[in-house]
C-alpha atoms as a PDB file:
ATOM      1  CA  MET A   1     118.757 109.704 116.996  1.00  0.00           C
ATOM      2  CA  GLU A   2     118.480 106.493 115.090  1.00  0.00           C
ATOM      3  CA  LEU A   3     115.968 104.028 116.436  1.00  0.00           C
ATOM      4  CA  ILE A   4     115.267 100.506 115.289  1.00  0.00           C
ATOM      5  CA  ILE A   5     111.875  99.196 116.413  1.00  0.00           C
ATOM      6  CA  GLN A   6     111.456  95.448 116.157  1.00  0.00           C
ATOM      7  CA  LEU A   7     108.195  93.653 116.674  1.00  0.00           C
ATOM      8  CA  ASN A   8     107.874  90.026 117.684  1.00  0.00           C
ATOM      9  CA  ARG A   9     105.954  88.328 114.877  1.00  0.00           C
ATOM     10  CA  LYS A  10     103.209  87.230 117.299  1.00  0.00           C
ATOM     11  CA  GLU A  11     102.820  90.818 118.499  1.00  0.00           C
ATOM     12  CA  LYS A  12     103.451  92.605 115.207  1.00  0.00           C
ATOM     13  CA  LYS A  13      99.903  93.630 114.283  1.00  0.00           C
ATOM     14  CA  GLU A  14      99.050  94.958 117.724  1.00  0.00           C
ATOM     15  CA  ALA A  15     102.490  96.368 118.511  1.00  0.00           C
ATOM     16  CA  GLU A  16     102.529  98.461 115.345  1.00  0.00           C
ATOM     17  CA  LYS A  17      99.934 100.724 117.033  1.00  0.00           C
ATOM     18  CA  TYR A  18     102.548 101.764 119.591  1.00  0.00           C
ATOM     19  CA  ARG A  19     105.328 102.838 117.200  1.00  0.00           C
ATOM     20  CA  ASN A  20     104.600 106.572 117.635  1.00  0.00           C
ATOM     21  CA  ILE A  21     104.522 106.300 121.440  1.00  0.00           C
ATOM     22  CA  ILE A  22     107.921 104.602 121.381  1.00  0.00           C
ATOM     23  CA  LEU A  23     109.383 107.190 119.010  1.00  0.00           C
ATOM     24  CA  LYS A  24     108.088 110.149 121.020  1.00  0.00           C
ATOM     25  CA  SER A  25     109.281 108.595 124.303  1.00  0.00           C
ATOM     26  CA  CYS A  26     112.754 108.152 122.846  1.00  0.00           C
ATOM     27  CA  GLU A  27     112.890 111.689 121.466  1.00  0.00           C
ATOM     28  CA  ILE A  28     111.837 113.322 124.749  1.00  0.00           C
ATOM     29  CA  ALA A  29     114.115 111.110 126.878  1.00  0.00           C
ATOM     30  CA  LEU A  30     117.207 111.638 124.728  1.00  0.00           C
ATOM     31  CA  SER A  31     116.556 115.370 124.507  1.00  0.00           C
ATOM     32  CA  PHE A  32     116.122 115.657 128.290  1.00  0.00           C
ATOM     33  CA  LEU A  33     119.318 113.655 128.849  1.00  0.00           C
ATOM     34  CA  ASP A  34     121.181 115.676 126.178  1.00  0.00           C
ATOM     35  CA  LYS A  35     121.982 112.484 124.232  1.00  0.00           C
ATOM     36  CA  LYS A  36     120.207 113.203 120.925  1.00  0.00           C
ATOM     37  CA  GLU A  37     123.026 111.610 118.920  1.00  0.00           C
ATOM     38  CA  LYS A  38     122.565 108.171 120.500  1.00  0.00           C
ATOM     39  CA  SER A  39     120.878 105.239 118.783  1.00  0.00           C
ATOM     40  CA  PHE A  40     119.488 101.903 119.977  1.00  0.00           C
ATOM     41  CA  SER A  41     116.848  99.288 119.255  1.00  0.00           C
ATOM     42  CA  VAL A  42     113.547  98.484 120.948  1.00  0.00           C
ATOM     43  CA  LEU A  43     111.926  95.057 120.649  1.00  0.00           C
ATOM     44  CA  LEU A  44     108.280  94.620 121.676  1.00  0.00           C
ATOM     45  CA  THR A  45     107.582  91.009 122.505  1.00  0.00           C
ATOM     46  CA  ASP A  46     105.441  88.763 124.701  1.00  0.00           C
ATOM     47  CA  ASN A  47     105.853  87.282 128.194  1.00  0.00           C
ATOM     48  CA  GLN A  48     107.088  83.944 126.857  1.00  0.00           C
ATOM     49  CA  GLU A  49     109.970  85.469 124.878  1.00  0.00           C
ATOM     50  CA  ILE A  50     111.048  87.970 127.534  1.00  0.00           C
ATOM     51  CA  LYS A  51     111.013  85.166 130.131  1.00  0.00           C
ATOM     52  CA  LYS A  52     113.498  83.209 127.976  1.00  0.00           C
ATOM     53  CA  LEU A  53     115.749  86.267 127.662  1.00  0.00           C
ATOM     54  CA  ASN A  54     115.472  87.068 131.365  1.00  0.00           C
ATOM     55  CA  LYS A  55     116.461  83.501 132.267  1.00  0.00           C
ATOM     56  CA  LYS A  56     119.343  83.394 129.800  1.00  0.00           C
ATOM     57  CA  TYR A  57     120.876  86.802 130.584  1.00  0.00           C
ATOM     58  CA  ARG A  58     119.683  87.725 134.094  1.00  0.00           C
ATOM     59  CA  ASN A  59     119.034  84.311 135.713  1.00  0.00           C
ATOM     60  CA  GLY A  60     115.395  85.281 136.341  1.00  0.00           C
ATOM     61  CA  ASP A  61     112.960  82.487 135.518  1.00  0.00           C
ATOM     62  CA  TYR A  62     109.965  84.796 135.113  1.00  0.00           C
ATOM     63  CA  PRO A  63     108.623  87.295 132.599  1.00  0.00           C
ATOM     64  CA  THR A  64     109.797  90.814 133.400  1.00  0.00           C
ATOM     65  CA  ASP A  65     108.572  94.099 131.957  1.00  0.00           C
ATOM     66  CA  VAL A  66     111.776  95.495 130.433  1.00  0.00           C
ATOM     67  CA  LEU A  67     115.323  94.330 129.808  1.00  0.00           C
ATOM     68  CA  ALA A  68     118.180  96.571 128.737  1.00  0.00           C
ATOM     69  CA  PHE A  69     121.345  95.333 127.081  1.00  0.00           C
ATOM     70  CA  PRO A  70     123.950  98.121 126.967  1.00  0.00           C
ATOM     71  CA  TYR A  71     126.377  97.911 124.068  1.00  0.00           C
ATOM     72  CA  GLY A  72     129.328  98.791 126.251  1.00  0.00           C
ATOM     73  CA  GLU A  73     131.436 100.915 123.900  1.00  0.00           C
ATOM     74  CA  LYS A  74     131.432 104.400 125.463  1.00  0.00           C
ATOM     75  CA  SER A  75     132.582 106.090 122.245  1.00  0.00           C
ATOM     76  CA  SER A  76     129.874 104.475 120.094  1.00  0.00           C
ATOM     77  CA  SER A  77     126.668 106.267 119.225  1.00  0.00           C
ATOM     78  CA  TYR A  78     124.900 102.873 119.421  1.00  0.00           C
ATOM     79  CA  ILE A  79     124.097 102.320 123.101  1.00  0.00           C
ATOM     80  CA  GLY A  80     122.321  98.939 123.048  1.00  0.00           C
ATOM     81  CA  ASP A  81     119.013  97.138 122.948  1.00  0.00           C
ATOM     82  CA  ILE A  82     115.790  97.356 124.947  1.00  0.00           C
ATOM     83  CA  VAL A  83     113.265  94.504 125.114  1.00  0.00           C
ATOM     84  CA  ILE A  84     109.751  95.183 126.422  1.00  0.00           C
ATOM     85  CA  SER A  85     106.971  92.709 127.106  1.00  0.00           C
ATOM     86  CA  LEU A  86     103.782  94.183 125.710  1.00  0.00           C
ATOM     87  CA  HIS A  87     101.796  91.695 127.821  1.00  0.00           C
ATOM     88  CA  LYS A  88     103.555  92.815 131.010  1.00  0.00           C
ATOM     89  CA  ALA A  89     103.014  96.477 130.085  1.00  0.00           C
ATOM     90  CA  LYS A  90      99.271  95.783 129.774  1.00  0.00           C
ATOM     91  CA  GLU A  91      99.182  93.961 133.122  1.00  0.00           C
ATOM     92  CA  GLN A  92     101.012  96.809 134.856  1.00  0.00           C
ATOM     93  CA  ALA A  93      98.820  99.464 133.254  1.00  0.00           C
ATOM     94  CA  ILE A  94      95.795  97.756 134.814  1.00  0.00           C
ATOM     95  CA  THR A  95      97.524  97.273 138.182  1.00  0.00           C
ATOM     96  CA  TYR A  96      98.712 100.902 138.357  1.00  0.00           C
ATOM     97  CA  LYS A  97      95.492 102.280 136.828  1.00  0.00           C
ATOM     98  CA  GLU A  98      97.528 103.894 134.072  1.00  0.00           C
ATOM     99  CA  GLU A  99      96.889 104.250 130.359  1.00  0.00           C
ATOM    100  CA  LEU A 100      98.809 101.638 128.369  1.00  0.00           C
ATOM    101  CA  LYS A 101     100.595 104.304 126.340  1.00  0.00           C
ATOM    102  CA  ASN A 102     101.943 105.856 129.562  1.00  0.00           C
ATOM    103  CA  GLU A 103     103.124 102.521 130.943  1.00  0.00           C
ATOM    104  CA  LEU A 104     104.777 101.664 127.641  1.00  0.00           C
ATOM    105  CA  ALA A 105     106.478 105.069 127.576  1.00  0.00           C
ATOM    106  CA  ARG A 106     107.681 104.545 131.160  1.00  0.00           C
ATOM    107  CA  LEU A 107     109.261 101.217 130.194  1.00  0.00           C
ATOM    108  CA  VAL A 108     110.981 102.737 127.163  1.00  0.00           C
ATOM    109  CA  ILE A 109     112.368 105.562 129.305  1.00  0.00           C
ATOM    110  CA  HIS A 110     113.448 103.089 131.997  1.00  0.00           C
ATOM    111  CA  GLY A 111     115.302 101.044 129.378  1.00  0.00           C
ATOM    112  CA  ILE A 112     117.041 104.122 127.956  1.00  0.00           C
ATOM    113  CA  LEU A 113     118.223 105.138 131.411  1.00  0.00           C
ATOM    114  CA  HIS A 114     119.709 101.673 131.928  1.00  0.00           C
ATOM    115  CA  LEU A 115     121.438 101.832 128.529  1.00  0.00           C
ATOM    116  CA  LEU A 116     123.010 105.117 129.592  1.00  0.00           C
ATOM    117  CA  GLY A 117     124.374 103.600 132.800  1.00  0.00           C
ATOM    118  CA  GLU A 118     121.680 104.348 135.385  1.00  0.00           C
ATOM    119  CA  THR A 119     121.070 101.595 137.933  1.00  0.00           C
ATOM    120  CA  ASP A 120     118.312 100.770 140.378  1.00  0.00           C
ATOM    121  CA  THR A 121     120.123  98.214 142.503  1.00  0.00           C
ATOM    122  CA  THR A 122     120.195 100.269 145.708  1.00  0.00           C
ATOM    123  CA  SER A 123     117.423 102.364 147.226  1.00  0.00           C
ATOM    124  CA  LYS A 124     119.448 105.548 146.564  1.00  0.00           C
ATOM    125  CA  SER A 125     120.204 104.728 142.902  1.00  0.00           C
ATOM    126  CA  LYS A 126     116.618 103.542 142.375  1.00  0.00           C
ATOM    127  CA  LYS A 127     115.205 106.812 143.714  1.00  0.00           C
ATOM    128  CA  LYS A 128     117.557 108.849 141.527  1.00  0.00           C
ATOM    129  CA  MET A 129     116.731 106.798 138.432  1.00  0.00           C
ATOM    130  CA  TRP A 130     112.982 106.719 139.046  1.00  0.00           C
ATOM    131  CA  ASP A 131     112.869 110.462 139.735  1.00  0.00           C
ATOM    132  CA  LYS A 132     114.521 111.051 136.356  1.00  0.00           C
ATOM    133  CA  GLN A 133     112.183 108.564 134.697  1.00  0.00           C
ATOM    134  CA  GLU A 134     109.054 110.236 136.069  1.00  0.00           C
ATOM    135  CA  LYS A 135     110.351 113.727 135.176  1.00  0.00           C
ATOM    136  CA  ILE A 136     110.850 112.610 131.563  1.00  0.00           C
ATOM    137  CA  LEU A 137     107.410 110.956 131.535  1.00  0.00           C
ATOM    138  CA  SER A 138     105.789 114.163 132.803  1.00  0.00           C
ATOM    139  CA  LEU A 139     107.468 116.093 129.965  1.00  0.00           C
ATOM    140  CA  LEU A 140     106.136 113.535 127.522  1.00  0.00           C
ATOM    141  CA  LYS A 141     102.609 113.786 128.921  1.00  0.00           C
ATOM    142  CA  ARG A 142     102.714 117.555 128.390  1.00  0.00           C
ATOM    143  CA  GLU A 143     103.268 116.841 124.691  1.00  0.00           C
ATOM    144  CA  LYS A 144      99.870 115.081 124.673  1.00  0.00           C
ATOM    145  CA  PHE A 145     101.255 112.141 122.731  1.00  0.00           C
END
């Protein structure tokens, strides 16, 4: 696995604290999915930046928690890019009464699943994807990251 972690310059100092959580989430997810040879990037940013990306690429004029941009070449080991709003992760951690590291891990895992072709556009595909996501997160929590 090759992982590129990018930090929005406004978030850089704070986001650096979460590098190990991101790495461990990626390792566990790719191992569980038997895709250890895959590589991708993760960008931690703020609500303002992710809102711009969401509007430009998904026609959503609001800040979202995670965006995934699959590379599209099936034969490539590089599978795409994940963008996560650190602000949105914090908001959701409070809402769901979850530790921030767990919410951040969930968003990383969610992004990886999208990069690998999982969808959550129907109730059936959403259940399948979210079941996988939570299974991977439970494995990660057992690691006491």
